[in-house]
N, C-alpha and C. Protein backbone atom coordinates (compact mmCIF):
# COMPACT_ATOMS: atom_id res chain seq x y z
N MET A 1 17.64 -4.48 -7.05
CA MET A 1 17.50 -4.33 -5.69
C MET A 1 16.36 -5.07 -4.97
N GLU A 2 17.35 -5.54 -3.55
CA GLU A 2 16.80 -6.52 -2.90
C GLU A 2 16.13 -5.58 -1.83
N PRO A 3 14.48 -6.20 -1.45
CA PRO A 3 13.56 -5.48 -0.64
C PRO A 3 14.48 -6.15 1.17
N LYS A 4 14.31 -5.38 2.11
CA LYS A 4 14.56 -5.69 3.34
C LYS A 4 13.03 -6.24 3.67
N GLU A 5 13.40 -6.57 4.78
CA GLU A 5 12.09 -7.41 5.82
C GLU A 5 10.83 -6.08 5.87
N ASN A 6 9.75 -6.37 5.33
CA ASN A 6 8.56 -5.54 5.69
C ASN A 6 8.82 -3.95 4.28
N GLN A 7 9.19 -4.71 3.31
CA GLN A 7 9.70 -3.56 2.09
C GLN A 7 8.80 -4.21 0.89
N ILE A 8 8.76 -3.51 0.16
CA ILE A 8 8.36 -3.78 -1.44
C ILE A 8 9.28 -2.70 -2.31
N ILE A 9 9.72 -3.50 -3.48
CA ILE A 9 9.80 -2.83 -4.53
C ILE A 9 9.23 -1.95 -5.26
N VAL A 10 9.16 -1.25 -5.27
CA VAL A 10 8.30 -0.50 -6.75
C VAL A 10 8.72 -0.12 -7.83
N VAL A 11 8.33 -0.37 -9.05
CA VAL A 11 9.34 0.03 -10.28
C VAL A 11 8.34 1.25 -11.05
N ASP A 12 8.77 2.06 -11.09
CA ASP A 12 7.90 3.42 -12.25
C ASP A 12 7.91 3.15 -13.54
N GLU A 13 7.44 4.04 -14.32
CA GLU A 13 7.31 3.81 -15.74
C GLU A 13 8.46 3.96 -16.33
N ASP A 14 9.66 4.80 -15.54
CA ASP A 14 10.68 5.08 -16.47
C ASP A 14 11.59 3.66 -15.86
N GLY A 15 11.38 2.53 -15.10
CA GLY A 15 11.77 1.87 -14.62
C GLY A 15 13.47 2.10 -13.63
N VAL A 16 12.32 3.21 -12.78
CA VAL A 16 13.41 3.05 -11.75
C VAL A 16 12.95 2.80 -10.51
N GLU A 17 13.75 2.00 -9.70
CA GLU A 17 13.00 1.29 -8.42
C GLU A 17 13.07 2.08 -6.73
N TYR A 18 12.04 2.28 -6.48
CA TYR A 18 12.06 2.61 -5.11
C TYR A 18 11.72 1.57 -3.74
N ALA A 19 12.39 1.78 -2.81
CA ALA A 19 12.17 0.72 -1.86
C ALA A 19 10.99 1.28 -0.88
N MET A 20 10.16 0.60 -0.44
CA MET A 20 8.82 1.08 0.30
C MET A 20 8.60 0.67 1.78
N GLU A 21 8.42 1.42 2.47
CA GLU A 21 8.43 0.52 3.79
C GLU A 21 6.67 -0.08 4.00
N ILE A 22 6.13 -1.15 4.20
CA ILE A 22 5.16 -1.10 3.98
C ILE A 22 4.36 -1.30 5.53
N LEU A 23 3.07 -0.41 5.28
CA LEU A 23 2.51 0.12 6.45
C LEU A 23 1.69 -1.30 6.83
N PHE A 24 0.52 -1.57 5.86
CA PHE A 24 -0.21 -2.93 6.29
C PHE A 24 -0.73 -3.38 4.83
N THR A 25 -0.80 -4.29 4.61
CA THR A 25 -2.05 -5.26 3.95
C THR A 25 -2.93 -5.47 4.53
N TYR A 26 -4.36 -5.56 3.50
CA TYR A 26 -5.41 -5.85 3.92
C TYR A 26 -6.34 -6.39 2.37
N GLU A 27 -7.01 -7.37 2.78
CA GLU A 27 -8.00 -8.04 1.04
C GLU A 27 -9.32 -7.38 1.50
N ASN A 28 -10.03 -7.27 0.10
CA ASN A 28 -11.13 -7.07 0.14
C ASN A 28 -12.07 -8.41 -0.71
N ASP A 29 -12.56 -8.94 0.09
CA ASP A 29 -13.07 -10.14 -0.36
C ASP A 29 -13.86 -9.98 -1.13
N GLU A 30 -14.98 -9.29 -0.98
CA GLU A 30 -16.12 -8.88 -2.17
C GLU A 30 -15.50 -8.66 -3.99
N ARG A 31 -14.59 -7.48 -3.75
CA ARG A 31 -13.45 -7.57 -5.27
C ARG A 31 -12.49 -8.50 -5.49
N CYS A 32 -12.65 -9.71 -4.61
CA CYS A 32 -11.26 -10.75 -4.40
C CYS A 32 -9.72 -10.04 -5.05
N ALA A 33 -9.32 -9.06 -4.06
CA ALA A 33 -8.56 -7.95 -4.15
C ALA A 33 -7.77 -7.93 -2.90
N LYS A 34 -6.29 -7.63 -3.24
CA LYS A 34 -5.50 -7.69 -1.94
C LYS A 34 -4.79 -6.40 -2.11
N TYR A 35 -4.55 -5.77 -1.15
CA TYR A 35 -4.16 -3.88 -1.51
C TYR A 35 -3.08 -3.86 -0.35
N VAL A 36 -2.21 -3.32 -0.57
CA VAL A 36 -1.00 -3.12 -0.05
C VAL A 36 -0.89 -1.54 0.12
N LEU A 37 -0.39 -0.64 1.72
CA LEU A 37 -0.69 0.49 2.03
C LEU A 37 1.00 0.67 2.26
N CYS A 38 1.82 1.81 1.53
CA CYS A 38 3.39 1.62 1.67
C CYS A 38 3.58 3.41 1.74
N PHE A 39 5.14 3.42 2.27
CA PHE A 39 5.40 5.10 2.26
C PHE A 39 6.91 4.41 1.68
N SER A 40 7.47 6.05 1.44
CA SER A 40 8.78 5.37 1.09
C SER A 40 9.77 6.95 2.33
N GLU A 41 10.42 6.27 2.89
CA GLU A 41 11.19 6.65 4.28
C GLU A 41 11.49 8.15 4.13
N ASP A 42 11.43 8.66 2.96
CA ASP A 42 11.96 10.38 2.91
C ASP A 42 10.51 11.16 2.64
N ALA A 43 9.91 10.61 2.55
CA ALA A 43 8.38 11.14 2.71
C ALA A 43 7.28 10.20 3.27
N PRO A 44 7.39 9.87 4.48
CA PRO A 44 6.13 9.08 5.44
C PRO A 44 5.32 9.44 5.34
N ASP A 45 4.42 10.87 4.93
CA ASP A 45 3.41 11.40 5.19
C ASP A 45 2.94 10.51 3.68
N ASP A 46 3.38 10.71 2.99
CA ASP A 46 2.86 10.27 1.74
C ASP A 46 2.97 8.79 1.56
N ILE A 47 0.83 8.75 1.44
CA ILE A 47 0.85 6.64 1.75
C ILE A 47 0.23 6.10 0.56
N TYR A 48 1.06 4.73 -0.19
CA TYR A 48 0.62 4.75 -2.01
C TYR A 48 -0.06 3.60 -1.74
N ALA A 49 -1.03 3.04 -2.57
CA ALA A 49 -2.12 2.40 -2.40
C ALA A 49 -1.79 1.53 -3.93
N PHE A 50 -1.52 -0.04 -3.31
CA PHE A 50 -1.34 -0.89 -4.67
C PHE A 50 -2.18 -1.96 -4.41
N ARG A 51 -2.77 -2.14 -5.43
CA ARG A 51 -3.39 -3.73 -5.59
C ARG A 51 -2.50 -4.67 -6.07
N TYR A 52 -2.31 -5.74 -5.54
CA TYR A 52 -1.28 -7.14 -5.68
C TYR A 52 -2.14 -8.25 -5.64
N ASP A 53 -1.35 -9.40 -6.79
CA ASP A 53 -1.92 -10.51 -7.17
C ASP A 53 -1.17 -11.79 -6.17
N ASP A 54 -1.64 -12.57 -6.50
CA ASP A 54 -0.61 -13.93 -5.67
C ASP A 54 0.63 -13.97 -6.13
N GLU A 55 1.04 -13.23 -7.23
CA GLU A 55 2.48 -13.46 -8.08
C GLU A 55 3.30 -11.96 -7.36
N HIS A 56 2.66 -11.46 -6.64
CA HIS A 56 3.09 -10.52 -6.08
C HIS A 56 3.03 -8.80 -6.82
N ASN A 57 2.77 -9.10 -7.89
CA ASN A 57 2.70 -8.61 -9.23
C ASN A 57 1.97 -6.83 -8.53
N LEU A 58 2.47 -5.90 -8.64
CA LEU A 58 1.61 -4.58 -8.20
C LEU A 58 0.99 -3.66 -9.27
N THR A 59 -0.19 -3.21 -8.85
CA THR A 59 -1.11 -2.22 -9.85
C THR A 59 -1.56 -0.96 -8.96
N GLU A 60 -1.42 -0.16 -9.43
CA GLU A 60 -1.41 1.51 -8.56
C GLU A 60 -3.23 1.52 -8.50
N VAL A 61 -3.43 2.01 -7.31
CA VAL A 61 -4.82 1.95 -7.33
C VAL A 61 -5.12 3.37 -7.54
N THR A 62 -5.96 3.29 -8.52
CA THR A 62 -6.84 4.72 -9.65
C THR A 62 -8.22 5.49 -9.09
N ASP A 63 -9.10 3.55 -9.31
CA ASP A 63 -10.60 3.94 -9.30
C ASP A 63 -10.72 4.88 -7.98
N ASP A 64 -11.74 5.46 -8.70
CA ASP A 64 -11.94 6.32 -7.50
C ASP A 64 -12.88 5.34 -6.32
N GLU A 65 -13.57 4.62 -6.64
CA GLU A 65 -14.20 4.16 -5.72
C GLU A 65 -13.14 2.81 -4.85
N GLU A 66 -12.19 2.37 -5.44
CA GLU A 66 -11.10 1.49 -4.14
C GLU A 66 -10.58 2.72 -3.77
N LEU A 67 -9.93 4.22 -4.30
CA LEU A 67 -9.58 4.79 -3.51
C LEU A 67 -10.17 5.36 -2.27
N ASP A 68 -11.87 5.33 -2.38
CA ASP A 68 -12.51 5.97 -1.36
C ASP A 68 -12.47 4.72 0.18
N GLU A 69 -11.93 3.58 -0.52
CA GLU A 69 -12.30 1.94 0.45
C GLU A 69 -10.80 2.33 1.07
N VAL A 70 -10.14 2.54 0.19
CA VAL A 70 -8.53 2.58 0.65
C VAL A 70 -8.51 3.43 1.61
N GLU A 71 -9.01 4.87 1.65
CA GLU A 71 -9.34 5.70 2.91
C GLU A 71 -9.56 5.40 4.08
N GLU A 72 -11.11 4.71 3.56
CA GLU A 72 -11.42 4.32 4.72
C GLU A 72 -10.55 3.44 5.77
N VAL A 73 -10.17 2.60 5.09
CA VAL A 73 -9.51 1.67 5.67
C VAL A 73 -8.40 2.42 6.56
N LEU A 74 -7.60 2.89 5.65
CA LEU A 74 -6.38 4.12 6.08
C LEU A 74 -6.79 4.51 7.24
N ASN A 75 -8.03 5.30 7.68
CA ASN A 75 -8.44 6.28 8.80
C ASN A 75 -8.57 5.02 9.71
N ALA A 76 -9.16 3.99 9.63
CA ALA A 76 -9.75 2.87 10.62
C ALA A 76 -8.30 2.75 11.62
N TYR A 77 -7.46 2.47 10.34
CA TYR A 77 -6.56 1.66 11.12
C TYR A 77 -5.50 3.04 11.85
N GLN A 78 -5.47 4.27 11.01
CA GLN A 78 -5.08 5.61 12.26
C GLN A 78 -6.04 5.92 13.04
N ASP A 79 -6.87 5.76 13.53
CA ASP A 79 -7.76 5.66 14.63
C ASP A 79 -7.44 4.70 15.70
N GLU A 80 -7.61 3.22 15.05
CA GLU A 80 -7.04 2.47 15.96
C GLU A 80 -5.35 2.44 16.48
N PHE A 81 -4.50 2.90 15.92
CA PHE A 81 -2.91 3.03 16.29
C PHE A 81 -3.24 4.55 17.21
N ASP A 82 -4.45 5.38 16.47
CA ASP A 82 -3.96 6.60 18.04
C ASP A 82 -4.52 5.80 19.31
N GLU A 83 -5.65 5.25 19.48
CA GLU A 83 -5.91 5.08 20.11
C GLU A 83 -5.24 4.09 21.26
N GLU A 84 -4.29 3.27 20.64
CA GLU A 84 -3.23 2.48 21.45
C GLU A 84 -2.28 3.18 22.34
N ASP A 85 -2.25 4.36 21.78
CA ASP A 85 -1.11 5.63 22.34
C ASP A 85 -1.20 6.03 23.86
């Protein structure tokens, strides 16, 4: 499966591929980590967070501290988006 522009392909533990729409990416310099937040067109309210490296390998964010940070960043993004409307 080839991703379209602004998409990534996520492969689950069974090898099934899913095209996900990229919401946004950001970096945490203190952790030296890059993150991508994405969603499926089938369930746009379900946001997924992954860490990625320079080779674009994805690792799902499961650490509580990182999840809290991702939630804060997502809330700030949504607040900024709401202000533009």
